[in-house]
Amino acid sequence: MLRPAELPGDAFEDDATIKGRRYDGLSLAGHQGEAIEVEQSTFENVRFTGMNLARSVLAHVRFNTCDFATVRTQDVSLLRATVTGCRLTGSTWSSGSFRDVLFEGTRADSALFRYAKLNTVVFRECNLTGADFQFADFRNVRFEKCDLTGAQFANVVIQPGVSFEGCTLLDLGGAAHLKGATVRGPGGMELALSLAREAGILFED
């Protein structure tokens, strides 16, 4: 049984340990924290906008219709989690670690995942336009029916099990670095056009 979270006692602060809490409709906007451990907790309609979080671990957690816009994180691990119907617009997840995570129906346009490690992660029906995955490490990552228009993949590391299924792949940056990934659906032609552009090939009527 999860206990309802209360502020300020259950705020995200340095060295905090949070376990078995249910955050419902609360605001953690602008909070700052380092070395936080969050486990077995749920977050419903919670505002995280403008939060700064570093070297923290969130495990066995669920986020539903939460707002992470402009959140800044560094070396944060998200493990065995679901992120549903959330907003990650303009957020930063530099050098983060994502394992056993489902992002579904989530808006993550212009989100930054540089140098992140993603292992067994699914992005399903997400808006990832302009998202930046440069230098990220992908293993067993699936993008399903996502809009990746203008997303950046330069210098990514593609491990086994990476696929794009029914996605929009227009104007990708670093498309050549997706070697080894599987593409299913019309996005294959869009990816080919991005590859041709990077190779300097021009198409004229």
N, C-alpha and C. Protein backbone atom coordinates (compact mmCIF):
# COMPACT_ATOMS: atom_id res chain seq x y z
N MET A 1 0.84 -1.19 0.00
CA MET A 1 0.00 0.00 0.00
C MET A 1 0.88 1.25 0.00
N LEU A 2 0.69 2.11 -1.00
CA LEU A 2 1.47 3.33 -1.09
C LEU A 2 0.87 4.41 -0.18
N ARG A 3 1.75 5.12 0.49
CA ARG A 3 1.30 6.20 1.36
C ARG A 3 1.29 7.51 0.59
N PRO A 4 0.22 8.32 0.71
CA PRO A 4 0.19 9.60 0.01
C PRO A 4 1.39 10.48 0.40
N ALA A 5 2.05 11.02 -0.61
CA ALA A 5 3.19 11.90 -0.35
C ALA A 5 2.71 13.25 0.17
N GLU A 6 3.50 13.84 1.01
CA GLU A 6 3.20 15.16 1.54
C GLU A 6 4.45 16.03 1.44
N LEU A 7 4.23 17.28 1.14
CA LEU A 7 5.33 18.25 1.08
C LEU A 7 5.28 19.14 2.30
N PRO A 8 6.44 19.54 2.83
CA PRO A 8 7.78 19.35 2.27
C PRO A 8 8.47 18.04 2.66
N GLY A 9 7.85 17.23 3.47
CA GLY A 9 8.51 16.03 3.97
C GLY A 9 8.98 15.08 2.90
N ASP A 10 8.22 14.97 1.78
CA ASP A 10 8.58 14.06 0.70
C ASP A 10 9.11 14.80 -0.53
N ALA A 11 9.71 15.95 -0.30
CA ALA A 11 10.30 16.73 -1.40
C ALA A 11 11.58 16.06 -1.89
N PHE A 12 11.98 16.40 -3.12
CA PHE A 12 13.23 15.90 -3.68
C PHE A 12 14.37 16.81 -3.18
N GLU A 13 15.09 16.35 -2.18
CA GLU A 13 16.20 17.11 -1.62
C GLU A 13 17.45 16.25 -1.57
N ASP A 14 18.59 16.85 -1.39
CA ASP A 14 19.86 16.13 -1.37
C ASP A 14 19.82 14.94 -0.40
N ASP A 15 20.28 13.79 -0.91
CA ASP A 15 20.44 12.57 -0.11
C ASP A 15 19.12 11.99 0.42
N ALA A 16 18.00 12.42 -0.15
CA ALA A 16 16.71 11.90 0.32
C ALA A 16 16.50 10.47 -0.16
N THR A 17 15.82 9.67 0.66
CA THR A 17 15.40 8.32 0.30
C THR A 17 13.88 8.27 0.38
N ILE A 18 13.25 7.99 -0.76
CA ILE A 18 11.79 8.01 -0.85
C ILE A 18 11.32 6.63 -1.32
N LYS A 19 10.46 6.00 -0.56
CA LYS A 19 10.01 4.65 -0.91
C LYS A 19 8.53 4.50 -0.57
N GLY A 20 7.79 3.87 -1.51
CA GLY A 20 6.39 3.56 -1.25
C GLY A 20 5.50 4.77 -1.11
N ARG A 21 5.72 5.79 -1.95
CA ARG A 21 4.91 7.01 -1.88
C ARG A 21 4.03 7.15 -3.13
N ARG A 22 2.91 7.83 -2.95
CA ARG A 22 2.03 8.15 -4.07
C ARG A 22 1.90 9.68 -4.15
N TYR A 23 2.48 10.24 -5.21
CA TYR A 23 2.41 11.68 -5.44
C TYR A 23 1.23 11.94 -6.38
N ASP A 24 0.29 12.73 -5.96
CA ASP A 24 -0.91 12.98 -6.76
C ASP A 24 -1.20 14.47 -6.83
N GLY A 25 -0.99 15.05 -8.03
CA GLY A 25 -1.31 16.45 -8.24
C GLY A 25 -0.40 17.43 -7.53
N LEU A 26 0.76 16.99 -7.07
CA LEU A 26 1.68 17.87 -6.36
C LEU A 26 2.61 18.59 -7.33
N SER A 27 3.24 19.63 -6.84
CA SER A 27 4.22 20.36 -7.64
C SER A 27 5.61 20.26 -7.01
N LEU A 28 6.56 19.74 -7.80
CA LEU A 28 7.96 19.72 -7.40
C LEU A 28 8.77 20.64 -8.31
N ALA A 29 8.08 21.58 -8.94
CA ALA A 29 8.70 22.49 -9.89
C ALA A 29 9.82 23.28 -9.22
N GLY A 30 10.96 23.33 -9.91
CA GLY A 30 12.07 24.13 -9.43
C GLY A 30 12.89 23.50 -8.33
N HIS A 31 12.51 22.30 -7.87
CA HIS A 31 13.30 21.65 -6.81
C HIS A 31 14.68 21.26 -7.34
N GLN A 32 15.64 21.18 -6.45
CA GLN A 32 16.98 20.74 -6.80
C GLN A 32 17.42 19.65 -5.84
N GLY A 33 18.06 18.62 -6.38
CA GLY A 33 18.49 17.54 -5.51
C GLY A 33 19.62 16.73 -6.10
N GLU A 34 20.39 16.10 -5.22
CA GLU A 34 21.51 15.26 -5.63
C GLU A 34 21.54 14.02 -4.75
N ALA A 35 21.91 12.89 -5.35
CA ALA A 35 22.02 11.62 -4.63
C ALA A 35 20.70 11.23 -3.97
N ILE A 36 19.61 11.34 -4.73
CA ILE A 36 18.28 10.97 -4.25
C ILE A 36 17.97 9.55 -4.70
N GLU A 37 17.33 8.78 -3.85
CA GLU A 37 16.87 7.44 -4.19
C GLU A 37 15.36 7.38 -4.06
N VAL A 38 14.69 7.04 -5.18
CA VAL A 38 13.23 6.91 -5.18
C VAL A 38 12.89 5.50 -5.63
N GLU A 39 12.04 4.80 -4.86
CA GLU A 39 11.73 3.41 -5.17
C GLU A 39 10.26 3.11 -4.89
N GLN A 40 9.67 2.29 -5.77
CA GLN A 40 8.32 1.78 -5.58
C GLN A 40 7.34 2.91 -5.28
N SER A 41 7.32 3.91 -6.17
CA SER A 41 6.44 5.06 -5.99
C SER A 41 5.74 5.41 -7.30
N THR A 42 4.61 6.11 -7.19
CA THR A 42 3.87 6.54 -8.37
C THR A 42 3.69 8.05 -8.35
N PHE A 43 3.59 8.60 -9.55
CA PHE A 43 3.45 10.05 -9.71
C PHE A 43 2.32 10.31 -10.70
N GLU A 44 1.24 10.92 -10.24
CA GLU A 44 0.08 11.21 -11.07
C GLU A 44 -0.09 12.72 -11.18
N ASN A 45 0.00 13.22 -12.42
CA ASN A 45 -0.23 14.65 -12.66
C ASN A 45 0.65 15.53 -11.77
N VAL A 46 1.94 15.20 -11.73
CA VAL A 46 2.89 15.94 -10.91
C VAL A 46 3.71 16.89 -11.80
N ARG A 47 3.96 18.09 -11.33
CA ARG A 47 4.76 19.07 -12.07
C ARG A 47 6.20 19.02 -11.58
N PHE A 48 7.12 18.71 -12.52
CA PHE A 48 8.55 18.70 -12.24
C PHE A 48 9.26 19.84 -12.96
N THR A 49 8.54 20.72 -13.62
CA THR A 49 9.14 21.72 -14.50
C THR A 49 10.26 22.49 -13.81
N GLY A 50 11.38 22.62 -14.54
CA GLY A 50 12.50 23.39 -14.02
C GLY A 50 13.32 22.71 -12.94
N MET A 51 13.03 21.44 -12.65
CA MET A 51 13.79 20.73 -11.63
C MET A 51 15.22 20.46 -12.10
N ASN A 52 16.16 20.45 -11.16
CA ASN A 52 17.54 20.04 -11.42
C ASN A 52 17.86 18.85 -10.54
N LEU A 53 18.24 17.74 -11.18
CA LEU A 53 18.46 16.49 -10.46
C LEU A 53 19.78 15.88 -10.92
N ALA A 54 20.60 15.43 -9.98
CA ALA A 54 21.91 14.88 -10.33
C ALA A 54 22.19 13.61 -9.53
N ARG A 55 22.87 12.67 -10.20
CA ARG A 55 23.39 11.45 -9.57
C ARG A 55 22.36 10.79 -8.66
N SER A 56 21.19 10.53 -9.22
CA SER A 56 20.08 9.96 -8.46
C SER A 56 19.55 8.72 -9.16
N VAL A 57 18.79 7.90 -8.41
CA VAL A 57 18.24 6.65 -8.94
C VAL A 57 16.73 6.61 -8.66
N LEU A 58 15.95 6.34 -9.73
CA LEU A 58 14.51 6.18 -9.60
C LEU A 58 14.18 4.79 -10.13
N ALA A 59 13.70 3.90 -9.26
CA ALA A 59 13.48 2.50 -9.64
C ALA A 59 12.08 2.05 -9.24
N HIS A 60 11.49 1.19 -10.10
CA HIS A 60 10.14 0.68 -9.86
C HIS A 60 9.18 1.86 -9.64
N VAL A 61 9.14 2.76 -10.62
CA VAL A 61 8.30 3.95 -10.50
C VAL A 61 7.39 4.07 -11.72
N ARG A 62 6.30 4.81 -11.53
CA ARG A 62 5.36 5.05 -12.63
C ARG A 62 5.00 6.53 -12.66
N PHE A 63 5.11 7.11 -13.86
CA PHE A 63 4.75 8.51 -14.05
C PHE A 63 3.59 8.57 -15.04
N ASN A 64 2.51 9.25 -14.64
CA ASN A 64 1.35 9.36 -15.51
C ASN A 64 0.93 10.84 -15.60
N THR A 65 0.85 11.34 -16.83
CA THR A 65 0.47 12.73 -17.12
C THR A 65 1.25 13.73 -16.28
N CYS A 66 2.55 13.52 -16.17
CA CYS A 66 3.42 14.44 -15.44
C CYS A 66 4.10 15.41 -16.40
N ASP A 67 4.52 16.56 -15.88
CA ASP A 67 5.16 17.59 -16.69
C ASP A 67 6.63 17.72 -16.30
N PHE A 68 7.52 17.26 -17.20
CA PHE A 68 8.97 17.35 -17.00
C PHE A 68 9.60 18.43 -17.88
N ALA A 69 8.82 19.33 -18.44
CA ALA A 69 9.37 20.32 -19.36
C ALA A 69 10.50 21.10 -18.71
N THR A 70 11.59 21.25 -19.44
CA THR A 70 12.80 21.99 -19.05
C THR A 70 13.50 21.42 -17.82
N VAL A 71 13.18 20.20 -17.43
CA VAL A 71 13.92 19.54 -16.35
C VAL A 71 15.37 19.33 -16.79
N ARG A 72 16.30 19.46 -15.87
CA ARG A 72 17.72 19.23 -16.15
C ARG A 72 18.23 18.12 -15.24
N THR A 73 18.74 17.04 -15.83
CA THR A 73 19.30 15.96 -15.02
C THR A 73 20.70 15.62 -15.50
N GLN A 74 21.49 15.04 -14.63
CA GLN A 74 22.84 14.61 -14.95
C GLN A 74 23.12 13.32 -14.19
N ASP A 75 23.48 12.26 -14.93
CA ASP A 75 23.80 10.96 -14.32
C ASP A 75 22.65 10.43 -13.47
N VAL A 76 21.45 10.50 -14.00
CA VAL A 76 20.27 9.97 -13.32
C VAL A 76 19.88 8.63 -13.94
N SER A 77 19.55 7.65 -13.11
CA SER A 77 19.14 6.32 -13.58
C SER A 77 17.64 6.15 -13.40
N LEU A 78 16.97 5.72 -14.48
CA LEU A 78 15.55 5.40 -14.44
C LEU A 78 15.41 3.92 -14.76
N LEU A 79 14.97 3.14 -13.78
CA LEU A 79 14.99 1.68 -13.89
C LEU A 79 13.61 1.10 -13.65
N ARG A 80 13.21 0.17 -14.53
CA ARG A 80 11.93 -0.53 -14.39
C ARG A 80 10.80 0.48 -14.15
N ALA A 81 10.57 1.31 -15.15
CA ALA A 81 9.64 2.43 -15.01
C ALA A 81 8.71 2.53 -16.22
N THR A 82 7.57 3.20 -16.01
CA THR A 82 6.68 3.56 -17.11
C THR A 82 6.45 5.07 -17.06
N VAL A 83 6.46 5.65 -18.25
CA VAL A 83 6.24 7.09 -18.40
C VAL A 83 5.12 7.24 -19.43
N THR A 84 3.91 7.57 -18.98
CA THR A 84 2.73 7.55 -19.84
C THR A 84 2.07 8.92 -19.89
N GLY A 85 1.83 9.40 -21.12
CA GLY A 85 1.11 10.66 -21.29
C GLY A 85 1.79 11.85 -20.67
N CYS A 86 3.11 11.82 -20.59
CA CYS A 86 3.86 12.90 -19.93
C CYS A 86 4.41 13.90 -20.95
N ARG A 87 4.92 15.00 -20.46
CA ARG A 87 5.53 16.05 -21.29
C ARG A 87 6.98 16.23 -20.86
N LEU A 88 7.90 15.96 -21.80
CA LEU A 88 9.33 16.10 -21.54
C LEU A 88 9.95 17.17 -22.43
N THR A 89 9.15 18.05 -22.97
CA THR A 89 9.62 19.05 -23.92
C THR A 89 10.82 19.82 -23.37
N GLY A 90 11.91 19.83 -24.14
CA GLY A 90 13.08 20.61 -23.78
C GLY A 90 13.82 20.14 -22.55
N SER A 91 13.54 18.93 -22.08
CA SER A 91 14.23 18.41 -20.89
C SER A 91 15.59 17.82 -21.26
N THR A 92 16.46 17.69 -20.28
CA THR A 92 17.81 17.18 -20.49
C THR A 92 18.06 15.98 -19.60
N TRP A 93 18.58 14.89 -20.22
CA TRP A 93 18.85 13.65 -19.50
C TRP A 93 20.28 13.19 -19.82
N SER A 94 21.22 14.10 -19.74
CA SER A 94 22.61 13.85 -20.12
C SER A 94 23.22 12.73 -19.30
N SER A 95 23.87 11.79 -19.99
CA SER A 95 24.59 10.68 -19.34
C SER A 95 23.68 9.85 -18.44
N GLY A 96 22.38 9.86 -18.73
CA GLY A 96 21.46 9.08 -17.92
C GLY A 96 21.49 7.60 -18.29
N SER A 97 20.94 6.77 -17.40
CA SER A 97 20.85 5.33 -17.64
C SER A 97 19.39 4.94 -17.57
N PHE A 98 18.87 4.35 -18.68
CA PHE A 98 17.49 3.93 -18.76
C PHE A 98 17.46 2.42 -19.00
N ARG A 99 16.83 1.68 -18.10
CA ARG A 99 16.76 0.24 -18.26
C ARG A 99 15.35 -0.26 -17.91
N ASP A 100 14.79 -1.06 -18.82
CA ASP A 100 13.44 -1.59 -18.63
C ASP A 100 12.44 -0.45 -18.43
N VAL A 101 12.40 0.44 -19.42
CA VAL A 101 11.53 1.62 -19.33
C VAL A 101 10.60 1.66 -20.54
N LEU A 102 9.34 2.01 -20.30
CA LEU A 102 8.37 2.23 -21.37
C LEU A 102 7.95 3.69 -21.35
N PHE A 103 8.18 4.38 -22.49
CA PHE A 103 7.63 5.71 -22.72
C PHE A 103 6.45 5.54 -23.68
N GLU A 104 5.27 5.95 -23.26
CA GLU A 104 4.10 5.74 -24.11
C GLU A 104 3.25 7.01 -24.16
N GLY A 105 2.87 7.40 -25.41
CA GLY A 105 2.03 8.57 -25.57
C GLY A 105 2.61 9.82 -24.95
N THR A 106 3.93 9.93 -25.01
CA THR A 106 4.64 11.01 -24.32
C THR A 106 5.24 12.00 -25.31
N ARG A 107 5.20 13.26 -24.95
CA ARG A 107 5.77 14.32 -25.79
C ARG A 107 7.18 14.64 -25.28
N ALA A 108 8.18 14.34 -26.11
CA ALA A 108 9.57 14.59 -25.73
C ALA A 108 10.28 15.36 -26.84
N ASP A 109 9.58 16.30 -27.46
CA ASP A 109 10.18 17.10 -28.52
C ASP A 109 11.32 17.95 -27.95
N SER A 110 12.41 17.98 -28.70
CA SER A 110 13.62 18.73 -28.33
C SER A 110 14.23 18.28 -27.01
N ALA A 111 13.87 17.09 -26.54
CA ALA A 111 14.52 16.54 -25.34
C ALA A 111 15.93 16.09 -25.69
N LEU A 112 16.82 16.16 -24.71
CA LEU A 112 18.23 15.84 -24.95
C LEU A 112 18.61 14.60 -24.15
N PHE A 113 19.06 13.56 -24.90
CA PHE A 113 19.49 12.30 -24.30
C PHE A 113 20.96 12.02 -24.63
N ARG A 114 21.77 13.03 -24.77
CA ARG A 114 23.17 12.84 -25.15
C ARG A 114 23.92 11.99 -24.13
N TYR A 115 24.72 11.07 -24.66
CA TYR A 115 25.56 10.18 -23.85
C TYR A 115 24.75 9.27 -22.92
N ALA A 116 23.46 9.16 -23.13
CA ALA A 116 22.64 8.27 -22.29
C ALA A 116 22.85 6.82 -22.70
N LYS A 117 22.60 5.92 -21.76
CA LYS A 117 22.63 4.49 -22.03
C LYS A 117 21.20 3.97 -21.91
N LEU A 118 20.69 3.40 -23.01
CA LEU A 118 19.32 2.90 -23.04
C LEU A 118 19.35 1.40 -23.30
N ASN A 119 18.84 0.63 -22.35
CA ASN A 119 18.84 -0.83 -22.45
C ASN A 119 17.43 -1.35 -22.15
N THR A 120 16.85 -2.01 -23.15
CA THR A 120 15.49 -2.54 -23.04
C THR A 120 14.52 -1.40 -22.75
N VAL A 121 14.43 -0.51 -23.72
CA VAL A 121 13.57 0.68 -23.63
C VAL A 121 12.63 0.70 -24.83
N VAL A 122 11.38 1.07 -24.61
CA VAL A 122 10.40 1.20 -25.68
C VAL A 122 9.84 2.61 -25.69
N PHE A 123 9.88 3.26 -26.85
CA PHE A 123 9.19 4.52 -27.08
C PHE A 123 7.99 4.19 -27.96
N ARG A 124 6.79 4.36 -27.44
CA ARG A 124 5.59 3.97 -28.19
C ARG A 124 4.67 5.18 -28.38
N GLU A 125 4.42 5.51 -29.65
CA GLU A 125 3.53 6.61 -30.00
C GLU A 125 3.94 7.90 -29.28
N CYS A 126 5.23 8.22 -29.39
CA CYS A 126 5.76 9.42 -28.75
C CYS A 126 6.12 10.48 -29.79
N ASN A 127 6.04 11.73 -29.39
CA ASN A 127 6.51 12.85 -30.21
C ASN A 127 7.95 13.13 -29.81
N LEU A 128 8.89 12.73 -30.70
CA LEU A 128 10.32 12.91 -30.44
C LEU A 128 10.95 13.84 -31.47
N THR A 129 10.16 14.76 -32.01
CA THR A 129 10.68 15.68 -33.02
C THR A 129 11.81 16.51 -32.43
N GLY A 130 12.92 16.55 -33.14
CA GLY A 130 14.05 17.34 -32.70
C GLY A 130 14.78 16.80 -31.48
N ALA A 131 14.45 15.59 -31.05
CA ALA A 131 15.14 15.00 -29.89
C ALA A 131 16.61 14.74 -30.24
N ASP A 132 17.47 14.85 -29.25
CA ASP A 132 18.92 14.74 -29.47
C ASP A 132 19.45 13.50 -28.74
N PHE A 133 19.80 12.46 -29.53
CA PHE A 133 20.34 11.22 -28.97
C PHE A 133 21.84 11.08 -29.29
N GLN A 134 22.53 12.15 -29.61
CA GLN A 134 23.92 12.04 -30.01
C GLN A 134 24.77 11.37 -28.92
N PHE A 135 25.64 10.46 -29.36
CA PHE A 135 26.57 9.73 -28.50
C PHE A 135 25.87 8.76 -27.53
N ALA A 136 24.57 8.53 -27.72
CA ALA A 136 23.86 7.60 -26.84
C ALA A 136 24.20 6.16 -27.21
N ASP A 137 23.99 5.25 -26.27
CA ASP A 137 24.24 3.83 -26.45
C ASP A 137 22.89 3.10 -26.39
N PHE A 138 22.52 2.44 -27.51
CA PHE A 138 21.23 1.76 -27.61
C PHE A 138 21.41 0.25 -27.60
N ARG A 139 20.68 -0.44 -26.75
CA ARG A 139 20.62 -1.90 -26.77
C ARG A 139 19.17 -2.31 -26.47
N ASN A 140 18.61 -3.12 -27.38
CA ASN A 140 17.22 -3.56 -27.22
C ASN A 140 16.28 -2.37 -27.03
N VAL A 141 16.38 -1.43 -27.94
CA VAL A 141 15.54 -0.24 -27.92
C VAL A 141 14.59 -0.27 -29.11
N ARG A 142 13.29 -0.06 -28.86
CA ARG A 142 12.30 -0.05 -29.93
C ARG A 142 11.57 1.29 -29.96
N PHE A 143 11.48 1.82 -31.16
CA PHE A 143 10.65 3.00 -31.40
C PHE A 143 9.43 2.54 -32.18
N GLU A 144 8.24 2.70 -31.63
CA GLU A 144 7.02 2.22 -32.27
C GLU A 144 6.07 3.39 -32.54
N LYS A 145 5.81 3.66 -33.82
CA LYS A 145 4.86 4.69 -34.24
C LYS A 145 5.21 6.04 -33.62
N CYS A 146 6.48 6.38 -33.63
CA CYS A 146 6.93 7.66 -33.08
C CYS A 146 7.23 8.66 -34.21
N ASP A 147 7.11 9.94 -33.92
CA ASP A 147 7.52 10.99 -34.84
C ASP A 147 8.91 11.45 -34.43
N LEU A 148 9.90 11.11 -35.27
CA LEU A 148 11.30 11.44 -35.00
C LEU A 148 11.83 12.48 -35.98
N THR A 149 10.95 13.25 -36.58
CA THR A 149 11.36 14.27 -37.53
C THR A 149 12.43 15.17 -36.93
N GLY A 150 13.56 15.28 -37.63
CA GLY A 150 14.63 16.16 -37.18
C GLY A 150 15.42 15.67 -35.99
N ALA A 151 15.21 14.44 -35.56
CA ALA A 151 15.97 13.91 -34.41
C ALA A 151 17.44 13.72 -34.80
N GLN A 152 18.31 13.79 -33.79
CA GLN A 152 19.75 13.71 -34.03
C GLN A 152 20.32 12.40 -33.47
N PHE A 153 21.05 11.66 -34.34
CA PHE A 153 21.61 10.38 -33.95
C PHE A 153 23.11 10.28 -34.23
N ALA A 154 23.78 11.38 -34.40
CA ALA A 154 25.21 11.33 -34.70
C ALA A 154 25.98 10.64 -33.58
N ASN A 155 26.88 9.74 -33.98
CA ASN A 155 27.79 9.05 -33.07
C ASN A 155 27.09 8.15 -32.05
N VAL A 156 25.87 7.71 -32.36
CA VAL A 156 25.23 6.75 -31.47
C VAL A 156 25.89 5.38 -31.63
N VAL A 157 25.77 4.57 -30.58
CA VAL A 157 26.27 3.19 -30.62
C VAL A 157 25.05 2.28 -30.69
N ILE A 158 24.97 1.50 -31.78
CA ILE A 158 23.84 0.62 -32.00
C ILE A 158 24.22 -0.81 -31.63
N GLN A 159 23.65 -1.30 -30.54
CA GLN A 159 23.83 -2.68 -30.11
C GLN A 159 22.66 -3.51 -30.66
N PRO A 160 22.68 -4.84 -30.49
CA PRO A 160 21.60 -5.67 -31.02
C PRO A 160 20.22 -5.27 -30.48
N GLY A 161 19.20 -5.48 -31.34
CA GLY A 161 17.82 -5.31 -30.91
C GLY A 161 17.25 -3.92 -31.03
N VAL A 162 17.83 -3.07 -31.87
CA VAL A 162 17.33 -1.71 -32.06
C VAL A 162 16.44 -1.66 -33.30
N SER A 163 15.23 -1.13 -33.16
CA SER A 163 14.31 -1.12 -34.30
C SER A 163 13.44 0.13 -34.29
N PHE A 164 13.01 0.49 -35.51
CA PHE A 164 12.06 1.58 -35.73
C PHE A 164 10.88 0.99 -36.49
N GLU A 165 9.71 1.02 -35.90
CA GLU A 165 8.55 0.36 -36.49
C GLU A 165 7.42 1.38 -36.69
N GLY A 166 7.09 1.65 -37.97
CA GLY A 166 6.02 2.57 -38.27
C GLY A 166 6.28 3.99 -37.84
N CYS A 167 7.55 4.41 -37.82
CA CYS A 167 7.92 5.75 -37.35
C CYS A 167 8.09 6.73 -38.50
N THR A 168 7.99 8.01 -38.19
CA THR A 168 8.32 9.07 -39.12
C THR A 168 9.79 9.42 -38.92
N LEU A 169 10.59 9.28 -39.99
CA LEU A 169 12.05 9.43 -39.88
C LEU A 169 12.57 10.49 -40.85
N LEU A 170 11.86 11.57 -40.98
CA LEU A 170 12.25 12.65 -41.89
C LEU A 170 13.38 13.49 -41.31
N ASP A 171 14.32 13.87 -42.19
CA ASP A 171 15.36 14.84 -41.84
C ASP A 171 16.16 14.47 -40.60
N LEU A 172 16.49 13.19 -40.46
CA LEU A 172 17.31 12.77 -39.32
C LEU A 172 18.73 13.30 -39.47
N GLY A 173 19.35 13.63 -38.35
CA GLY A 173 20.76 13.96 -38.35
C GLY A 173 21.56 12.75 -37.92
N GLY A 174 22.68 12.50 -38.58
CA GLY A 174 23.50 11.34 -38.23
C GLY A 174 22.88 10.02 -38.60
N ALA A 175 22.08 10.01 -39.67
CA ALA A 175 21.38 8.79 -40.08
C ALA A 175 22.33 7.64 -40.34
N ALA A 176 23.52 7.93 -40.86
CA ALA A 176 24.48 6.86 -41.18
C ALA A 176 24.93 6.10 -39.93
N HIS A 177 24.79 6.70 -38.76
CA HIS A 177 25.23 6.05 -37.53
C HIS A 177 24.20 5.04 -37.01
N LEU A 178 23.07 4.91 -37.70
CA LEU A 178 22.05 3.94 -37.31
C LEU A 178 22.30 2.57 -37.94
N LYS A 179 23.47 2.37 -38.47
CA LYS A 179 23.82 1.08 -39.08
C LYS A 179 23.64 -0.04 -38.06
N GLY A 180 22.89 -1.06 -38.47
CA GLY A 180 22.62 -2.19 -37.60
C GLY A 180 21.21 -2.18 -37.04
N ALA A 181 20.51 -1.04 -37.15
CA ALA A 181 19.13 -0.96 -36.68
C ALA A 181 18.19 -1.53 -37.74
N THR A 182 17.02 -1.97 -37.32
CA THR A 182 16.00 -2.49 -38.23
C THR A 182 14.90 -1.45 -38.38
N VAL A 183 14.49 -1.21 -39.63
CA VAL A 183 13.43 -0.24 -39.90
C VAL A 183 12.29 -0.94 -40.61
N ARG A 184 11.08 -0.80 -40.08
CA ARG A 184 9.90 -1.39 -40.69
C ARG A 184 8.88 -0.28 -40.97
N GLY A 185 8.24 -0.37 -42.15
CA GLY A 185 7.24 0.62 -42.49
C GLY A 185 7.78 1.71 -43.39
N PRO A 186 6.97 2.75 -43.67
CA PRO A 186 7.36 3.80 -44.62
C PRO A 186 8.55 4.62 -44.18
N GLY A 187 8.91 4.56 -42.91
CA GLY A 187 10.08 5.31 -42.44
C GLY A 187 11.36 4.89 -43.11
N GLY A 188 11.38 3.69 -43.71
CA GLY A 188 12.59 3.24 -44.39
C GLY A 188 12.97 4.15 -45.54
N MET A 189 11.98 4.58 -46.33
CA MET A 189 12.26 5.50 -47.44
C MET A 189 12.70 6.86 -46.91
N GLU A 190 12.07 7.32 -45.84
CA GLU A 190 12.46 8.61 -45.26
C GLU A 190 13.90 8.56 -44.74
N LEU A 191 14.27 7.44 -44.14
CA LEU A 191 15.64 7.28 -43.66
C LEU A 191 16.61 7.26 -44.84
N ALA A 192 16.22 6.62 -45.93
CA ALA A 192 17.07 6.58 -47.12
C ALA A 192 17.32 7.99 -47.65
N LEU A 193 16.31 8.84 -47.61
CA LEU A 193 16.48 10.22 -48.07
C LEU A 193 17.45 10.98 -47.16
N SER A 194 17.37 10.72 -45.85
CA SER A 194 18.32 11.36 -44.94
C SER A 194 19.74 10.90 -45.20
N LEU A 195 19.90 9.61 -45.48
CA LEU A 195 21.23 9.08 -45.82
C LEU A 195 21.76 9.70 -47.09
N ALA A 196 20.88 9.84 -48.09
CA ALA A 196 21.30 10.44 -49.35
C ALA A 196 21.72 11.89 -49.15
N ARG A 197 20.99 12.61 -48.33
CA ARG A 197 21.33 14.01 -48.09
C ARG A 197 22.69 14.12 -47.43
N GLU A 198 22.97 13.24 -46.45
CA GLU A 198 24.26 13.27 -45.78
C GLU A 198 25.39 12.91 -46.73
N ALA A 199 25.08 12.10 -47.73
CA ALA A 199 26.09 11.73 -48.71
C ALA A 199 26.27 12.77 -49.81
N GLY A 200 25.46 13.83 -49.75
CA GLY A 200 25.59 14.89 -50.74
C GLY A 200 24.86 14.63 -52.03
N ILE A 201 23.93 13.67 -52.02
CA ILE A 201 23.17 13.34 -53.22
C ILE A 201 21.97 14.27 -53.33
N LEU A 202 21.80 14.88 -54.48
CA LEU A 202 20.69 15.80 -54.72
C LEU A 202 19.67 15.15 -55.64
N PHE A 203 18.39 15.33 -55.34
CA PHE A 203 17.33 14.80 -56.18
C PHE A 203 16.64 15.98 -56.87
N GLU A 204 16.52 15.88 -58.20
CA GLU A 204 15.86 16.94 -58.96
C GLU A 204 14.77 16.35 -59.83
N ASP A 205 13.68 17.09 -60.00
CA ASP A 205 12.59 16.63 -60.87
C ASP A 205 13.02 16.76 -62.32
